[in-house]
C-alpha atoms as a PDB file:
ATOM      1  CA  UNK A   1      96.713 133.132  96.470  1.00  0.00           C
ATOM      2  CA  UNK A   2      97.083 129.373  96.429  1.00  0.00           C
ATOM      3  CA  UNK A   3      93.991 127.540  97.649  1.00  0.00           C
ATOM      4  CA  UNK A   4      94.547 125.157 100.543  1.00  0.00           C
ATOM      5  CA  UNK A   5      92.610 122.455  98.667  1.00  0.00           C
ATOM      6  CA  UNK A   6      95.365 122.449  96.019  1.00  0.00           C
ATOM      7  CA  UNK A   7      97.925 121.017  98.438  1.00  0.00           C
ATOM      8  CA  UNK A   8      95.946 119.988 101.574  1.00  0.00           C
ATOM      9  CA  UNK A   9      92.896 117.807 102.253  1.00  0.00           C
ATOM     10  CA  UNK A  10      89.707 119.373 103.583  1.00  0.00           C
ATOM     11  CA  UNK A  11      90.498 117.954 107.058  1.00  0.00           C
ATOM     12  CA  UNK A  12      94.013 119.384 106.986  1.00  0.00           C
ATOM     13  CA  UNK A  13      92.719 122.776 105.841  1.00  0.00           C
ATOM     14  CA  UNK A  14      90.203 122.751 108.692  1.00  0.00           C
ATOM     15  CA  UNK A  15      92.956 121.976 111.169  1.00  0.00           C
ATOM     16  CA  UNK A  16      95.020 124.904 109.904  1.00  0.00           C
ATOM     17  CA  UNK A  17      91.979 127.191 110.299  1.00  0.00           C
ATOM     18  CA  UNK A  18      91.598 125.912 113.846  1.00  0.00           C
ATOM     19  CA  UNK A  19      95.260 126.593 114.620  1.00  0.00           C
ATOM     20  CA  UNK A  20      95.035 130.097 113.169  1.00  0.00           C
ATOM     21  CA  UNK A  21      91.895 130.842 115.197  1.00  0.00           C
ATOM     22  CA  UNK A  22      93.846 130.402 118.454  1.00  0.00           C
ATOM     23  CA  UNK A  23      95.922 133.525 117.792  1.00  0.00           C
ATOM     24  CA  UNK A  24      94.855 137.148 117.930  1.00  0.00           C
ATOM     25  CA  UNK A  25      97.642 138.134 115.570  1.00  0.00           C
ATOM     26  CA  UNK A  26      97.759 135.754 112.627  1.00  0.00           C
ATOM     27  CA  UNK A  27     101.561 136.078 112.311  1.00  0.00           C
ATOM     28  CA  UNK A  28     101.832 134.385 115.766  1.00  0.00           C
ATOM     29  CA  UNK A  29     100.603 131.211 114.146  1.00  0.00           C
ATOM     30  CA  UNK A  30     103.674 130.802 111.911  1.00  0.00           C
ATOM     31  CA  UNK A  31     105.499 128.276 114.059  1.00  0.00           C
ATOM     32  CA  UNK A  32     102.476 126.063 114.948  1.00  0.00           C
ATOM     33  CA  UNK A  33     101.332 126.093 111.307  1.00  0.00           C
ATOM     34  CA  UNK A  34     104.784 125.174 109.997  1.00  0.00           C
ATOM     35  CA  UNK A  35     105.041 122.418 112.579  1.00  0.00           C
ATOM     36  CA  UNK A  36     101.649 121.083 111.527  1.00  0.00           C
ATOM     37  CA  UNK A  37     102.429 121.197 107.792  1.00  0.00           C
ATOM     38  CA  UNK A  38     105.717 119.411 108.403  1.00  0.00           C
ATOM     39  CA  UNK A  39     103.830 116.676 110.310  1.00  0.00           C
ATOM     40  CA  UNK A  40     101.728 116.119 107.191  1.00  0.00           C
ATOM     41  CA  UNK A  41     104.369 116.404 104.485  1.00  0.00           C
ATOM     42  CA  UNK A  42     107.532 115.287 106.330  1.00  0.00           C
ATOM     43  CA  UNK A  43     109.343 118.527 105.545  1.00  0.00           C
ATOM     44  CA  UNK A  44     108.520 122.094 104.504  1.00  0.00           C
ATOM     45  CA  UNK A  45     108.577 122.447 100.731  1.00  0.00           C
ATOM     46  CA  UNK A  46     108.856 125.852  99.099  1.00  0.00           C
ATOM     47  CA  UNK A  47     105.244 125.510  98.036  1.00  0.00           C
ATOM     48  CA  UNK A  48     104.136 124.816 101.660  1.00  0.00           C
ATOM     49  CA  UNK A  49     106.143 127.746 102.993  1.00  0.00           C
ATOM     50  CA  UNK A  50     104.647 130.073 100.412  1.00  0.00           C
ATOM     51  CA  UNK A  51     101.144 128.785 101.149  1.00  0.00           C
ATOM     52  CA  UNK A  52     101.520 129.365 104.926  1.00  0.00           C
ATOM     53  CA  UNK A  53     102.770 132.909 104.310  1.00  0.00           C
ATOM     54  CA  UNK A  54      99.813 133.710 102.068  1.00  0.00           C
ATOM     55  CA  UNK A  55      97.416 131.918 104.456  1.00  0.00           C
ATOM     56  CA  UNK A  56      98.366 134.232 107.386  1.00  0.00           C
ATOM     57  CA  UNK A  57      99.213 137.323 105.355  1.00  0.00           C
ATOM     58  CA  UNK A  58     102.909 137.723 105.907  1.00  0.00           C
ATOM     59  CA  UNK A  59     105.718 138.151 103.326  1.00  0.00           C
ATOM     60  CA  UNK A  60     106.869 134.678 102.199  1.00  0.00           C
ATOM     61  CA  UNK A  61     110.391 135.426 103.333  1.00  0.00           C
ATOM     62  CA  UNK A  62     109.117 135.394 106.928  1.00  0.00           C
ATOM     63  CA  UNK A  63     108.112 131.714 106.767  1.00  0.00           C
ATOM     64  CA  UNK A  64     111.467 130.864 105.209  1.00  0.00           C
ATOM     65  CA  UNK A  65     113.252 132.714 108.013  1.00  0.00           C
ATOM     66  CA  UNK A  66     111.376 130.778 110.647  1.00  0.00           C
ATOM     67  CA  UNK A  67     111.806 127.463 108.874  1.00  0.00           C
ATOM     68  CA  UNK A  68     115.524 127.865 108.552  1.00  0.00           C
ATOM     69  CA  UNK A  69     116.017 129.204 112.055  1.00  0.00           C
ATOM     70  CA  UNK A  70     114.540 126.356 114.082  1.00  0.00           C
ATOM     71  CA  UNK A  71     116.372 123.045 114.131  1.00  0.00           C
ATOM     72  CA  UNK A  72     113.139 121.050 114.432  1.00  0.00           C
ATOM     73  CA  UNK A  73     111.925 122.297 111.027  1.00  0.00           C
ATOM     74  CA  UNK A  74     113.226 120.876 107.803  1.00  0.00           C
ATOM     75  CA  UNK A  75     113.154 122.399 104.352  1.00  0.00           C
ATOM     76  CA  UNK A  76     114.549 119.246 102.770  1.00  0.00           C
ATOM     77  CA  UNK A  77     113.131 115.702 102.986  1.00  0.00           C
ATOM     78  CA  UNK A  78     114.240 113.695 105.974  1.00  0.00           C
ATOM     79  CA  UNK A  79     114.359 109.937 106.638  1.00  0.00           C
ATOM     80  CA  UNK A  80     111.490 107.944 107.970  1.00  0.00           C
ATOM     81  CA  UNK A  81     113.026 108.231 111.452  1.00  0.00           C
ATOM     82  CA  UNK A  82     114.650 111.372 112.839  1.00  0.00           C
ATOM     83  CA  UNK A  83     117.581 110.634 115.176  1.00  0.00           C
ATOM     84  CA  UNK A  84     118.317 113.561 117.475  1.00  0.00           C
ATOM     85  CA  UNK A  85     121.469 113.491 119.579  1.00  0.00           C
ATOM     86  CA  UNK A  86     121.627 115.886 122.525  1.00  0.00           C
ATOM     87  CA  UNK A  87     124.839 117.934 122.548  1.00  0.00           C
ATOM     88  CA  UNK A  88     124.213 119.874 125.771  1.00  0.00           C
ATOM     89  CA  UNK A  89     126.641 119.816 128.670  1.00  0.00           C
ATOM     90  CA  UNK A  90     125.170 116.917 130.656  1.00  0.00           C
ATOM     91  CA  UNK A  91     125.023 114.655 127.600  1.00  0.00           C
ATOM     92  CA  UNK A  92     128.448 115.776 126.415  1.00  0.00           C
ATOM     93  CA  UNK A  93     130.279 114.944 129.651  1.00  0.00           C
ATOM     94  CA  UNK A  94     128.443 111.593 129.828  1.00  0.00           C
ATOM     95  CA  UNK A  95     129.635 110.427 126.412  1.00  0.00           C
ATOM     96  CA  UNK A  96     127.299 111.916 123.760  1.00  0.00           C
ATOM     97  CA  UNK A  97     130.282 112.403 121.428  1.00  0.00           C
ATOM     98  CA  UNK A  98     131.002 108.655 121.522  1.00  0.00           C
ATOM     99  CA  UNK A  99     127.329 107.879 120.945  1.00  0.00           C
ATOM    100  CA  UNK A 100     127.227 110.296 118.000  1.00  0.00           C
ATOM    101  CA  UNK A 101     130.269 108.634 116.473  1.00  0.00           C
ATOM    102  CA  UNK A 102     128.686 105.221 116.867  1.00  0.00           C
ATOM    103  CA  UNK A 103     125.483 106.478 115.217  1.00  0.00           C
ATOM    104  CA  UNK A 104     127.436 108.025 112.350  1.00  0.00           C
ATOM    105  CA  UNK A 105     129.345 104.784 111.787  1.00  0.00           C
ATOM    106  CA  UNK A 106     126.213 102.515 112.038  1.00  0.00           C
ATOM    107  CA  UNK A 107     124.157 104.748 109.721  1.00  0.00           C
ATOM    108  CA  UNK A 108     126.996 105.575 107.352  1.00  0.00           C
ATOM    109  CA  UNK A 109     126.176 109.301 107.461  1.00  0.00           C
ATOM    110  CA  UNK A 110     127.414 112.540 108.869  1.00  0.00           C
ATOM    111  CA  UNK A 111     125.308 114.922 110.967  1.00  0.00           C
ATOM    112  CA  UNK A 112     122.524 116.498 108.899  1.00  0.00           C
ATOM    113  CA  UNK A 113     122.422 113.660 106.378  1.00  0.00           C
ATOM    114  CA  UNK A 114     120.026 110.821 105.629  1.00  0.00           C
ATOM    115  CA  UNK A 115     121.050 107.202 105.367  1.00  0.00           C
ATOM    116  CA  UNK A 116     121.155 105.660 101.890  1.00  0.00           C
ATOM    117  CA  UNK A 117     118.108 103.530 102.643  1.00  0.00           C
ATOM    118  CA  UNK A 118     116.120 106.664 103.527  1.00  0.00           C
ATOM    119  CA  UNK A 119     115.308 105.334 106.977  1.00  0.00           C
ATOM    120  CA  UNK A 120     117.309 107.674 109.220  1.00  0.00           C
ATOM    121  CA  UNK A 121     118.274 111.303 109.328  1.00  0.00           C
ATOM    122  CA  UNK A 122     120.891 112.153 111.958  1.00  0.00           C
ATOM    123  CA  UNK A 123     120.898 115.563 113.630  1.00  0.00           C
ATOM    124  CA  UNK A 124     122.357 117.203 116.781  1.00  0.00           C
ATOM    125  CA  UNK A 125     120.096 119.227 119.027  1.00  0.00           C
ATOM    126  CA  UNK A 126     120.967 121.597 121.818  1.00  0.00           C
ATOM    127  CA  UNK A 127     118.868 119.954 124.558  1.00  0.00           C
ATOM    128  CA  UNK A 128     116.397 117.107 124.755  1.00  0.00           C
ATOM    129  CA  UNK A 129     115.546 117.808 128.363  1.00  0.00           C
ATOM    130  CA  UNK A 130     116.697 114.521 129.815  1.00  0.00           C
ATOM    131  CA  UNK A 131     119.829 115.730 131.603  1.00  0.00           C
ATOM    132  CA  UNK A 132     119.293 113.304 134.485  1.00  0.00           C
ATOM    133  CA  UNK A 133     119.474 110.404 131.990  1.00  0.00           C
ATOM    134  CA  UNK A 134     122.405 111.612 129.849  1.00  0.00           C
ATOM    135  CA  UNK A 135     123.411 110.903 127.222  1.00  0.00           C
ATOM    136  CA  UNK A 136     120.022 111.085 125.588  1.00  0.00           C
ATOM    137  CA  UNK A 137     118.920 110.372 122.033  1.00  0.00           C
ATOM    138  CA  UNK A 138     115.458 111.033 120.631  1.00  0.00           C
ATOM    139  CA  UNK A 139     114.204 108.999 117.731  1.00  0.00           C
ATOM    140  CA  UNK A 140     110.944 110.292 116.368  1.00  0.00           C
ATOM    141  CA  UNK A 141     108.914 110.841 119.574  1.00  0.00           C
ATOM    142  CA  UNK A 142     110.781 108.160 121.585  1.00  0.00           C
ATOM    143  CA  UNK A 143     113.316 109.238 124.256  1.00  0.00           C
ATOM    144  CA  UNK A 144     116.292 106.854 124.727  1.00  0.00           C
ATOM    145  CA  UNK A 145     118.057 107.429 128.055  1.00  0.00           C
ATOM    146  CA  UNK A 146     121.629 106.641 129.082  1.00  0.00           C
ATOM    147  CA  UNK A 147     122.521 105.600 125.571  1.00  0.00           C
ATOM    148  CA  UNK A 148     125.933 104.012 125.118  1.00  0.00           C
ATOM    149  CA  UNK A 149     127.972 103.088 122.067  1.00  0.00           C
ATOM    150  CA  UNK A 150     127.057  99.483 122.711  1.00  0.00           C
ATOM    151  CA  UNK A 151     123.271 100.177 122.689  1.00  0.00           C
ATOM    152  CA  UNK A 152     123.224 102.022 119.356  1.00  0.00           C
ATOM    153  CA  UNK A 153     122.896  98.946 117.183  1.00  0.00           C
ATOM    154  CA  UNK A 154     120.081  97.505 119.299  1.00  0.00           C
ATOM    155  CA  UNK A 155     118.198 100.818 119.364  1.00  0.00           C
ATOM    156  CA  UNK A 156     118.492 101.372 115.588  1.00  0.00           C
ATOM    157  CA  UNK A 157     117.572  97.731 114.968  1.00  0.00           C
ATOM    158  CA  UNK A 158     114.260  98.224 116.690  1.00  0.00           C
ATOM    159  CA  UNK A 159     113.386 100.987 114.201  1.00  0.00           C
ATOM    160  CA  UNK A 160     114.626  99.015 111.215  1.00  0.00           C
ATOM    161  CA  UNK A 161     112.088  96.310 112.283  1.00  0.00           C
ATOM    162  CA  UNK A 162     109.251  98.849 112.128  1.00  0.00           C
ATOM    163  CA  UNK A 163     109.645  99.126 108.329  1.00  0.00           C
END
């Protein structure tokens, strides 16, 4: 078994122990542990997926299954900023497709890809939960409401300035 100290700091290892302690069945901690590891590393490497599987005592294929099932988990590196475009009905009928096309054009990428400068990864998600403010786009932890094609450049510009 890989030691947590080989890939995680003592503080990170302690946090994973704390997460695990919240669950009666250790396998129930897969998703919160993967989410935590991704928050540290930016994505879920094969090494991290194997570690989490060994840490909670499940076959390593189980962590791979979970990591590839959920759209909020990434097994490949992503850009500094994650741009999530809602594709649910409310956003769709209010112009999300046009917003998505404007984002693709401005970033020079297709859905699922990262911009050449490594700043942005563009993804579609099923629902952001802001139907009353559609179309909605989430960048990192920031919700952008009633996004239009015209507001895309301004919104992205504010994240380019954070570099």
